[in-house]
Amino acid sequence: MTTSFSLRQVRLRPGEEYRDAVEVELAPFDYGGARYLPVPAQVPAAFAMTRALTGTVFELDFTARLHGPCYRCLGDAVLEVPIRAREYQAEKPEGEEMVTPYLTDDNLDLSAWAHDAIALALPDKILCRPDCAGLCPVCGENLNDDPHTHEDETVDERWAALEALKEAGQG
């Protein structure tokens, strides 16, 4: 289900503004090969629409809370993302930058706009905590739960012949 706002319900003259509290439906989010779920799936948002001489400015403010895997340790991660998004729709657009892609037939798709705004606000890596140690590259254990090191360096047997040549050359 998506949330949309019909512009037909509001008639503004240049300089006038319309504000409303809306509930925006957020879809699950795929990011970096992992799925993040918005909790709750429907968030309260502040919506504003301002009429200018040459077009309309739309604003959407909300906070998204995403639940999913940590990039380093694959444990549970929760990320709160504050969103302040702004779009512009020109009365007589002369280029792509003067048109919002979320407006179709006087309906503003708030869910698609919110989804894209979240995507732009996400960090490079979603972590369970800033100092996440990740997984051990040798045994795969979570280093946050059990910090450890491995003393014995295991040699991959596929390299054994090369290691033998190296030792023979030193002897």
N, C-alpha and C. Protein backbone atom coordinates (compact mmCIF):
# COMPACT_ATOMS: atom_id res chain seq x y z
N MET A 1 0.84 -1.18 0.00
CA MET A 1 0.00 0.00 0.00
C MET A 1 0.89 1.25 0.00
N THR A 2 0.51 2.22 -0.75
CA THR A 2 1.28 3.46 -0.78
C THR A 2 0.41 4.62 -0.30
N THR A 3 1.06 5.64 0.15
CA THR A 3 0.37 6.84 0.61
C THR A 3 0.53 7.91 -0.45
N SER A 4 -0.57 8.53 -0.82
CA SER A 4 -0.50 9.63 -1.78
C SER A 4 -1.34 10.78 -1.26
N PHE A 5 -1.07 11.95 -1.80
CA PHE A 5 -1.78 13.16 -1.41
C PHE A 5 -2.33 13.80 -2.67
N SER A 6 -3.64 14.02 -2.69
CA SER A 6 -4.29 14.63 -3.85
C SER A 6 -4.17 16.15 -3.77
N LEU A 7 -3.54 16.74 -4.76
CA LEU A 7 -3.38 18.18 -4.79
C LEU A 7 -4.69 18.89 -5.12
N ARG A 8 -5.68 18.14 -5.58
CA ARG A 8 -6.97 18.73 -5.93
C ARG A 8 -7.71 19.23 -4.69
N GLN A 9 -7.35 18.69 -3.52
CA GLN A 9 -8.04 19.11 -2.31
C GLN A 9 -7.54 20.45 -1.76
N VAL A 10 -6.45 20.97 -2.34
CA VAL A 10 -5.87 22.23 -1.87
C VAL A 10 -5.69 23.18 -3.05
N ARG A 11 -6.25 24.35 -2.91
CA ARG A 11 -6.07 25.40 -3.92
C ARG A 11 -5.33 26.56 -3.25
N LEU A 12 -4.14 26.83 -3.72
CA LEU A 12 -3.33 27.89 -3.13
C LEU A 12 -3.02 28.96 -4.16
N ARG A 13 -2.94 30.19 -3.70
CA ARG A 13 -2.48 31.30 -4.53
C ARG A 13 -1.01 31.54 -4.20
N PRO A 14 -0.26 32.18 -5.08
CA PRO A 14 1.15 32.46 -4.80
C PRO A 14 1.34 33.11 -3.43
N GLY A 15 2.29 32.54 -2.67
CA GLY A 15 2.58 33.04 -1.34
C GLY A 15 1.84 32.30 -0.23
N GLU A 16 0.84 31.52 -0.57
CA GLU A 16 0.08 30.78 0.44
C GLU A 16 0.73 29.42 0.71
N GLU A 17 0.46 28.93 1.93
CA GLU A 17 1.05 27.67 2.36
C GLU A 17 -0.04 26.78 2.97
N TYR A 18 0.12 25.47 2.75
CA TYR A 18 -0.77 24.49 3.35
C TYR A 18 0.08 23.52 4.16
N ARG A 19 -0.31 23.25 5.39
CA ARG A 19 0.41 22.30 6.25
C ARG A 19 -0.57 21.27 6.78
N ASP A 20 -0.07 20.03 6.93
CA ASP A 20 -0.92 18.97 7.44
C ASP A 20 -0.04 17.87 8.03
N ALA A 21 -0.60 17.14 8.97
CA ALA A 21 0.05 15.94 9.51
C ALA A 21 -0.52 14.76 8.73
N VAL A 22 0.37 13.94 8.18
CA VAL A 22 -0.05 12.79 7.39
C VAL A 22 0.63 11.53 7.92
N GLU A 23 0.05 10.39 7.63
CA GLU A 23 0.66 9.10 7.93
C GLU A 23 1.21 8.55 6.62
N VAL A 24 2.52 8.26 6.60
CA VAL A 24 3.16 7.78 5.38
C VAL A 24 3.51 6.32 5.53
N GLU A 25 3.06 5.52 4.57
CA GLU A 25 3.36 4.08 4.54
C GLU A 25 4.76 3.88 3.97
N LEU A 26 5.61 3.16 4.74
CA LEU A 26 6.97 2.88 4.29
C LEU A 26 7.10 1.40 3.94
N ALA A 27 7.70 1.13 2.81
CA ALA A 27 7.90 -0.25 2.36
C ALA A 27 9.22 -0.78 2.91
N PRO A 28 9.38 -2.11 2.99
CA PRO A 28 10.69 -2.67 3.37
C PRO A 28 11.76 -2.15 2.41
N PHE A 29 12.97 -2.05 2.92
CA PHE A 29 14.05 -1.39 2.19
C PHE A 29 15.18 -2.37 1.92
N ASP A 30 15.57 -2.55 0.66
CA ASP A 30 16.72 -3.38 0.30
C ASP A 30 17.92 -2.47 0.13
N TYR A 31 18.99 -2.77 0.88
CA TYR A 31 20.17 -1.91 0.87
C TYR A 31 21.41 -2.76 1.08
N GLY A 32 22.34 -2.70 0.16
CA GLY A 32 23.59 -3.45 0.28
C GLY A 32 23.38 -4.95 0.33
N GLY A 33 22.37 -5.44 -0.36
CA GLY A 33 22.10 -6.88 -0.38
C GLY A 33 21.35 -7.38 0.84
N ALA A 34 20.92 -6.49 1.73
CA ALA A 34 20.19 -6.89 2.93
C ALA A 34 18.84 -6.17 2.96
N ARG A 35 17.90 -6.74 3.68
CA ARG A 35 16.56 -6.16 3.79
C ARG A 35 16.39 -5.51 5.15
N TYR A 36 15.90 -4.27 5.14
CA TYR A 36 15.64 -3.51 6.35
C TYR A 36 14.16 -3.20 6.42
N LEU A 37 13.58 -3.45 7.59
CA LEU A 37 12.15 -3.25 7.78
C LEU A 37 11.90 -1.96 8.56
N PRO A 38 11.01 -1.12 8.06
CA PRO A 38 10.65 0.07 8.83
C PRO A 38 9.71 -0.33 9.96
N VAL A 39 10.03 0.10 11.18
CA VAL A 39 9.18 -0.19 12.33
C VAL A 39 8.93 1.11 13.06
N PRO A 40 7.70 1.60 13.05
CA PRO A 40 6.51 1.04 12.42
C PRO A 40 6.51 1.27 10.91
N ALA A 41 5.64 0.54 10.24
CA ALA A 41 5.57 0.64 8.77
C ALA A 41 4.85 1.90 8.32
N GLN A 42 4.11 2.51 9.23
CA GLN A 42 3.42 3.75 8.92
C GLN A 42 3.89 4.80 9.93
N VAL A 43 4.46 5.89 9.43
CA VAL A 43 5.03 6.90 10.32
C VAL A 43 4.30 8.24 10.18
N PRO A 44 4.20 8.97 11.28
CA PRO A 44 3.63 10.32 11.19
C PRO A 44 4.63 11.25 10.52
N ALA A 45 4.12 12.12 9.68
CA ALA A 45 4.99 13.06 8.96
C ALA A 45 4.33 14.42 8.89
N ALA A 46 5.16 15.44 8.82
CA ALA A 46 4.67 16.80 8.61
C ALA A 46 4.81 17.09 7.12
N PHE A 47 3.70 17.47 6.51
CA PHE A 47 3.67 17.76 5.08
C PHE A 47 3.36 19.24 4.90
N ALA A 48 4.10 19.90 4.03
CA ALA A 48 3.84 21.31 3.73
C ALA A 48 3.91 21.52 2.23
N MET A 49 3.08 22.42 1.79
CA MET A 49 3.01 22.75 0.37
C MET A 49 2.94 24.28 0.28
N THR A 50 3.88 24.89 -0.45
CA THR A 50 3.91 26.34 -0.57
C THR A 50 3.84 26.70 -2.05
N ARG A 51 2.94 27.58 -2.36
CA ARG A 51 2.76 28.02 -3.75
C ARG A 51 3.64 29.24 -3.99
N ALA A 52 4.46 29.16 -4.99
CA ALA A 52 5.30 30.28 -5.42
C ALA A 52 4.75 30.82 -6.73
N LEU A 53 5.33 31.88 -7.23
CA LEU A 53 4.87 32.44 -8.50
C LEU A 53 5.09 31.48 -9.67
N THR A 54 6.19 30.73 -9.61
CA THR A 54 6.57 29.88 -10.74
C THR A 54 6.29 28.39 -10.54
N GLY A 55 5.79 28.00 -9.37
CA GLY A 55 5.53 26.59 -9.12
C GLY A 55 5.15 26.32 -7.68
N THR A 56 5.38 25.09 -7.24
CA THR A 56 5.01 24.66 -5.89
C THR A 56 6.17 23.94 -5.24
N VAL A 57 6.40 24.26 -3.96
CA VAL A 57 7.43 23.60 -3.16
C VAL A 57 6.73 22.66 -2.19
N PHE A 58 7.19 21.41 -2.14
CA PHE A 58 6.65 20.41 -1.24
C PHE A 58 7.72 20.06 -0.21
N GLU A 59 7.31 19.89 1.05
CA GLU A 59 8.23 19.50 2.11
C GLU A 59 7.64 18.34 2.89
N LEU A 60 8.50 17.42 3.30
CA LEU A 60 8.08 16.24 4.06
C LEU A 60 9.11 15.99 5.15
N ASP A 61 8.67 15.97 6.41
CA ASP A 61 9.55 15.74 7.56
C ASP A 61 9.03 14.55 8.35
N PHE A 62 9.92 13.58 8.63
CA PHE A 62 9.56 12.43 9.45
C PHE A 62 10.83 11.73 9.90
N THR A 63 10.68 10.75 10.77
CA THR A 63 11.81 9.94 11.21
C THR A 63 11.49 8.49 10.90
N ALA A 64 12.40 7.82 10.20
CA ALA A 64 12.24 6.40 9.87
C ALA A 64 13.14 5.59 10.80
N ARG A 65 12.62 4.49 11.29
CA ARG A 65 13.40 3.57 12.13
C ARG A 65 13.48 2.25 11.37
N LEU A 66 14.71 1.88 10.98
CA LEU A 66 14.92 0.67 10.18
C LEU A 66 15.57 -0.42 11.03
N HIS A 67 15.05 -1.65 10.89
CA HIS A 67 15.60 -2.83 11.58
C HIS A 67 16.13 -3.80 10.53
N GLY A 68 17.35 -4.29 10.75
CA GLY A 68 17.94 -5.24 9.82
C GLY A 68 19.30 -5.68 10.30
N PRO A 69 20.08 -6.34 9.44
CA PRO A 69 21.38 -6.86 9.85
C PRO A 69 22.49 -5.80 9.87
N CYS A 70 23.41 -5.98 10.81
CA CYS A 70 24.60 -5.14 10.90
C CYS A 70 25.53 -5.52 9.75
N TYR A 71 26.15 -4.54 9.14
CA TYR A 71 27.05 -4.76 8.01
C TYR A 71 28.26 -5.60 8.39
N ARG A 72 28.75 -5.46 9.63
CA ARG A 72 29.98 -6.16 10.04
C ARG A 72 29.75 -7.50 10.72
N CYS A 73 28.78 -7.58 11.66
CA CYS A 73 28.64 -8.81 12.45
C CYS A 73 27.36 -9.58 12.12
N LEU A 74 26.50 -9.01 11.29
CA LEU A 74 25.23 -9.61 10.88
C LEU A 74 24.23 -9.73 12.02
N GLY A 75 24.53 -9.12 13.17
CA GLY A 75 23.58 -9.07 14.28
C GLY A 75 22.49 -8.06 13.98
N ASP A 76 21.59 -7.90 14.94
CA ASP A 76 20.49 -6.95 14.76
C ASP A 76 20.99 -5.51 14.84
N ALA A 77 20.57 -4.71 13.90
CA ALA A 77 20.92 -3.29 13.89
C ALA A 77 19.63 -2.48 13.77
N VAL A 78 19.58 -1.38 14.49
CA VAL A 78 18.44 -0.47 14.43
C VAL A 78 19.01 0.91 14.12
N LEU A 79 18.43 1.54 13.13
CA LEU A 79 18.93 2.85 12.69
C LEU A 79 17.76 3.82 12.61
N GLU A 80 17.89 4.96 13.28
CA GLU A 80 16.89 6.02 13.16
C GLU A 80 17.41 7.05 12.18
N VAL A 81 16.59 7.36 11.19
CA VAL A 81 16.99 8.29 10.14
C VAL A 81 16.02 9.46 10.11
N PRO A 82 16.48 10.65 10.53
CA PRO A 82 15.62 11.83 10.42
C PRO A 82 15.61 12.31 8.97
N ILE A 83 14.43 12.59 8.46
CA ILE A 83 14.27 12.98 7.05
C ILE A 83 13.63 14.36 6.96
N ARG A 84 14.26 15.22 6.17
CA ARG A 84 13.70 16.52 5.79
C ARG A 84 13.87 16.61 4.28
N ALA A 85 12.81 16.33 3.57
CA ALA A 85 12.88 16.27 2.10
C ALA A 85 12.12 17.45 1.50
N ARG A 86 12.62 17.90 0.35
CA ARG A 86 11.98 19.03 -0.34
C ARG A 86 11.98 18.73 -1.84
N GLU A 87 10.86 19.02 -2.47
CA GLU A 87 10.69 18.85 -3.92
C GLU A 87 10.08 20.11 -4.50
N TYR A 88 10.34 20.33 -5.77
CA TYR A 88 9.80 21.50 -6.46
C TYR A 88 9.15 21.06 -7.76
N GLN A 89 7.99 21.63 -8.04
CA GLN A 89 7.29 21.38 -9.29
C GLN A 89 7.01 22.72 -9.94
N ALA A 90 7.65 22.98 -11.07
CA ALA A 90 7.45 24.24 -11.79
C ALA A 90 6.09 24.25 -12.47
N GLU A 91 5.53 25.43 -12.57
CA GLU A 91 4.25 25.60 -13.26
C GLU A 91 4.40 25.24 -14.74
N LYS A 92 5.47 25.76 -15.35
CA LYS A 92 5.78 25.46 -16.76
C LYS A 92 7.23 24.97 -16.81
N PRO A 93 7.45 23.69 -16.54
CA PRO A 93 8.82 23.16 -16.46
C PRO A 93 9.56 23.25 -17.79
N GLU A 94 10.85 23.66 -17.70
CA GLU A 94 11.69 23.74 -18.88
C GLU A 94 12.78 22.68 -18.88
N GLY A 95 12.86 21.91 -17.80
CA GLY A 95 13.88 20.86 -17.70
C GLY A 95 13.51 19.87 -16.62
N GLU A 96 14.25 18.76 -16.56
CA GLU A 96 13.98 17.70 -15.59
C GLU A 96 14.06 18.18 -14.14
N GLU A 97 15.01 19.08 -13.86
CA GLU A 97 15.20 19.53 -12.49
C GLU A 97 14.05 20.39 -11.98
N MET A 98 13.15 20.77 -12.84
CA MET A 98 12.00 21.59 -12.45
C MET A 98 10.73 20.76 -12.26
N VAL A 99 10.89 19.44 -12.30
CA VAL A 99 9.74 18.54 -12.19
C VAL A 99 10.04 17.51 -11.10
N THR A 100 9.07 17.27 -10.25
CA THR A 100 9.23 16.20 -9.27
C THR A 100 8.71 14.90 -9.87
N PRO A 101 9.46 13.80 -9.74
CA PRO A 101 9.01 12.53 -10.31
C PRO A 101 7.88 11.89 -9.49
N TYR A 102 7.54 12.46 -8.36
CA TYR A 102 6.54 11.86 -7.48
C TYR A 102 5.14 12.38 -7.73
N LEU A 103 4.99 13.30 -8.67
CA LEU A 103 3.69 13.89 -8.96
C LEU A 103 3.15 13.35 -10.28
N THR A 104 1.97 12.71 -10.20
CA THR A 104 1.31 12.18 -11.39
C THR A 104 -0.17 12.51 -11.31
N ASP A 105 -0.68 13.20 -12.29
CA ASP A 105 -2.11 13.55 -12.36
C ASP A 105 -2.63 14.14 -11.05
N ASP A 106 -1.95 15.13 -10.53
CA ASP A 106 -2.33 15.83 -9.29
C ASP A 106 -2.29 14.96 -8.04
N ASN A 107 -1.61 13.81 -8.10
CA ASN A 107 -1.41 12.97 -6.93
C ASN A 107 0.08 12.90 -6.63
N LEU A 108 0.45 13.28 -5.40
CA LEU A 108 1.83 13.25 -4.95
C LEU A 108 2.05 11.94 -4.20
N ASP A 109 2.93 11.10 -4.71
CA ASP A 109 3.21 9.79 -4.11
C ASP A 109 4.17 9.98 -2.93
N LEU A 110 3.61 10.08 -1.73
CA LEU A 110 4.41 10.32 -0.53
C LEU A 110 5.26 9.12 -0.16
N SER A 111 4.78 7.91 -0.41
CA SER A 111 5.54 6.70 -0.06
C SER A 111 6.81 6.57 -0.91
N ALA A 112 6.70 6.79 -2.21
CA ALA A 112 7.88 6.70 -3.09
C ALA A 112 8.87 7.81 -2.75
N TRP A 113 8.36 9.00 -2.47
CA TRP A 113 9.21 10.12 -2.10
C TRP A 113 9.93 9.83 -0.79
N ALA A 114 9.21 9.29 0.19
CA ALA A 114 9.82 8.95 1.48
C ALA A 114 10.89 7.87 1.30
N HIS A 115 10.61 6.87 0.47
CA HIS A 115 11.57 5.79 0.22
C HIS A 115 12.89 6.34 -0.35
N ASP A 116 12.79 7.20 -1.35
CA ASP A 116 13.98 7.77 -1.97
C ASP A 116 14.72 8.71 -1.01
N ALA A 117 13.97 9.43 -0.19
CA ALA A 117 14.60 10.32 0.79
C ALA A 117 15.38 9.51 1.83
N ILE A 118 14.85 8.37 2.23
CA ILE A 118 15.56 7.48 3.17
C ILE A 118 16.84 6.98 2.51
N ALA A 119 16.73 6.55 1.26
CA ALA A 119 17.91 6.03 0.54
C ALA A 119 19.03 7.06 0.51
N LEU A 120 18.70 8.31 0.31
CA LEU A 120 19.71 9.37 0.25
C LEU A 120 20.31 9.68 1.62
N ALA A 121 19.58 9.37 2.69
CA ALA A 121 20.03 9.71 4.05
C ALA A 121 20.80 8.59 4.73
N LEU A 122 20.81 7.39 4.14
CA LEU A 122 21.46 6.26 4.81
C LEU A 122 22.98 6.39 4.81
N PRO A 123 23.61 5.89 5.88
CA PRO A 123 25.08 5.89 5.91
C PRO A 123 25.62 4.80 4.98
N ASP A 124 26.93 4.81 4.74
CA ASP A 124 27.54 3.79 3.87
C ASP A 124 27.33 2.38 4.42
N LYS A 125 27.45 2.25 5.74
CA LYS A 125 27.31 0.95 6.40
C LYS A 125 26.39 1.09 7.59
N ILE A 126 25.40 0.22 7.67
CA ILE A 126 24.50 0.21 8.83
C ILE A 126 25.10 -0.75 9.85
N LEU A 127 25.42 -0.22 11.03
CA LEU A 127 26.09 -1.00 12.07
C LEU A 127 25.21 -1.12 13.31
N CYS A 128 25.42 -2.21 14.07
CA CYS A 128 24.68 -2.40 15.31
C CYS A 128 25.14 -1.41 16.37
N ARG A 129 26.39 -1.00 16.29
CA ARG A 129 26.96 0.03 17.15
C ARG A 129 28.20 0.58 16.44
N PRO A 130 28.61 1.80 16.74
CA PRO A 130 29.72 2.40 16.00
C PRO A 130 31.04 1.63 16.08
N ASP A 131 31.28 0.94 17.21
CA ASP A 131 32.54 0.22 17.38
C ASP A 131 32.40 -1.29 17.15
N CYS A 132 31.47 -1.69 16.30
CA CYS A 132 31.26 -3.11 16.03
C CYS A 132 32.56 -3.74 15.52
N ALA A 133 32.94 -4.86 16.15
CA ALA A 133 34.19 -5.55 15.79
C ALA A 133 34.02 -6.50 14.63
N GLY A 134 32.79 -6.87 14.30
CA GLY A 134 32.55 -7.76 13.16
C GLY A 134 32.73 -9.23 13.48
N LEU A 135 32.97 -10.01 12.45
CA LEU A 135 33.15 -11.45 12.57
C LEU A 135 34.62 -11.82 12.43
N CYS A 136 35.03 -12.87 13.13
CA CYS A 136 36.41 -13.35 13.03
C CYS A 136 36.61 -13.93 11.63
N PRO A 137 37.65 -13.52 10.92
CA PRO A 137 37.87 -14.01 9.56
C PRO A 137 38.32 -15.47 9.53
N VAL A 138 38.75 -16.02 10.67
CA VAL A 138 39.21 -17.41 10.72
C VAL A 138 38.07 -18.36 11.06
N CYS A 139 37.36 -18.08 12.18
CA CYS A 139 36.34 -19.02 12.64
C CYS A 139 34.92 -18.53 12.47
N GLY A 140 34.72 -17.25 12.17
CA GLY A 140 33.38 -16.73 11.93
C GLY A 140 32.62 -16.33 13.18
N GLU A 141 33.25 -16.41 14.35
CA GLU A 141 32.58 -16.02 15.60
C GLU A 141 32.41 -14.50 15.65
N ASN A 142 31.38 -14.07 16.38
CA ASN A 142 31.12 -12.64 16.55
C ASN A 142 32.15 -12.09 17.54
N LEU A 143 33.00 -11.18 17.09
CA LEU A 143 34.06 -10.62 17.92
C LEU A 143 33.53 -9.66 18.98
N ASN A 144 32.28 -9.22 18.87
CA ASN A 144 31.67 -8.40 19.91
C ASN A 144 31.37 -9.24 21.14
N ASP A 145 30.94 -10.49 20.92
CA ASP A 145 30.60 -11.40 22.02
C ASP A 145 31.83 -12.08 22.59
N ASP A 146 32.77 -12.42 21.74
CA ASP A 146 33.96 -13.16 22.16
C ASP A 146 35.19 -12.63 21.44
N PRO A 147 35.78 -11.53 21.97
CA PRO A 147 36.99 -11.01 21.31
C PRO A 147 38.14 -12.01 21.47
N HIS A 148 38.75 -12.40 20.39
CA HIS A 148 39.84 -13.38 20.44
C HIS A 148 40.72 -13.26 19.21
N THR A 149 41.86 -13.94 19.28
CA THR A 149 42.77 -14.04 18.14
C THR A 149 43.14 -15.50 17.98
N HIS A 150 43.65 -15.86 16.84
CA HIS A 150 44.09 -17.23 16.57
C HIS A 150 45.60 -17.24 16.48
N GLU A 151 46.23 -18.05 17.32
CA GLU A 151 47.69 -18.10 17.38
C GLU A 151 48.28 -18.85 16.19
N ASP A 152 47.75 -20.03 15.89
CA ASP A 152 48.30 -20.85 14.81
C ASP A 152 47.83 -20.31 13.48
N GLU A 153 48.79 -20.01 12.64
CA GLU A 153 48.47 -19.56 11.31
C GLU A 153 48.33 -20.80 10.44
N THR A 154 47.14 -21.07 9.98
CA THR A 154 46.93 -22.24 9.15
C THR A 154 47.32 -21.91 7.72
N VAL A 155 48.07 -22.83 7.11
CA VAL A 155 48.51 -22.65 5.74
C VAL A 155 47.58 -23.45 4.85
N ASP A 156 47.10 -22.80 3.84
CA ASP A 156 46.23 -23.46 2.88
C ASP A 156 47.07 -24.51 2.15
N GLU A 157 46.60 -25.78 2.15
CA GLU A 157 47.39 -26.88 1.57
C GLU A 157 47.63 -26.71 0.07
N ARG A 158 46.84 -25.87 -0.57
CA ARG A 158 47.06 -25.61 -1.99
C ARG A 158 48.37 -24.86 -2.22
N TRP A 159 48.88 -24.18 -1.18
CA TRP A 159 50.12 -23.44 -1.28
C TRP A 159 51.33 -24.25 -0.79
N ALA A 160 51.11 -25.47 -0.36
CA ALA A 160 52.17 -26.29 0.24
C ALA A 160 53.35 -26.49 -0.72
N ALA A 161 53.09 -26.74 -2.00
CA ALA A 161 54.16 -26.96 -2.96
C ALA A 161 55.02 -25.71 -3.11
N LEU A 162 54.41 -24.54 -3.12
CA LEU A 162 55.15 -23.30 -3.22
C LEU A 162 55.97 -23.06 -1.94
N GLU A 163 55.40 -23.40 -0.79
CA GLU A 163 56.11 -23.25 0.47
C GLU A 163 57.35 -24.16 0.51
N ALA A 164 57.22 -25.36 -0.03
CA ALA A 164 58.34 -26.31 -0.08
C ALA A 164 59.45 -25.76 -0.98
N LEU A 165 59.10 -25.15 -2.12
CA LEU A 165 60.10 -24.55 -3.00
C LEU A 165 60.82 -23.40 -2.31
N LYS A 166 60.06 -22.62 -1.56
CA LYS A 166 60.65 -21.49 -0.85
C LYS A 166 61.66 -21.97 0.19
N GLU A 167 61.29 -23.01 0.95
CA GLU A 167 62.18 -23.55 1.97
C GLU A 167 63.41 -24.19 1.34
N ALA A 168 63.25 -24.86 0.19
CA ALA A 168 64.37 -25.51 -0.49
C ALA A 168 65.37 -24.46 -1.00
N GLY A 169 64.88 -23.30 -1.39
CA GLY A 169 65.74 -22.24 -1.90
C GLY A 169 66.51 -21.56 -0.79
N GLN A 170 66.01 -21.62 0.44
CA GLN A 170 66.68 -20.97 1.56
C GLN A 170 67.73 -21.90 2.20
N GLY A 171 67.65 -23.20 1.92
CA GLY A 171 68.49 -24.17 2.61
C GLY A 171 69.75 -24.47 1.96
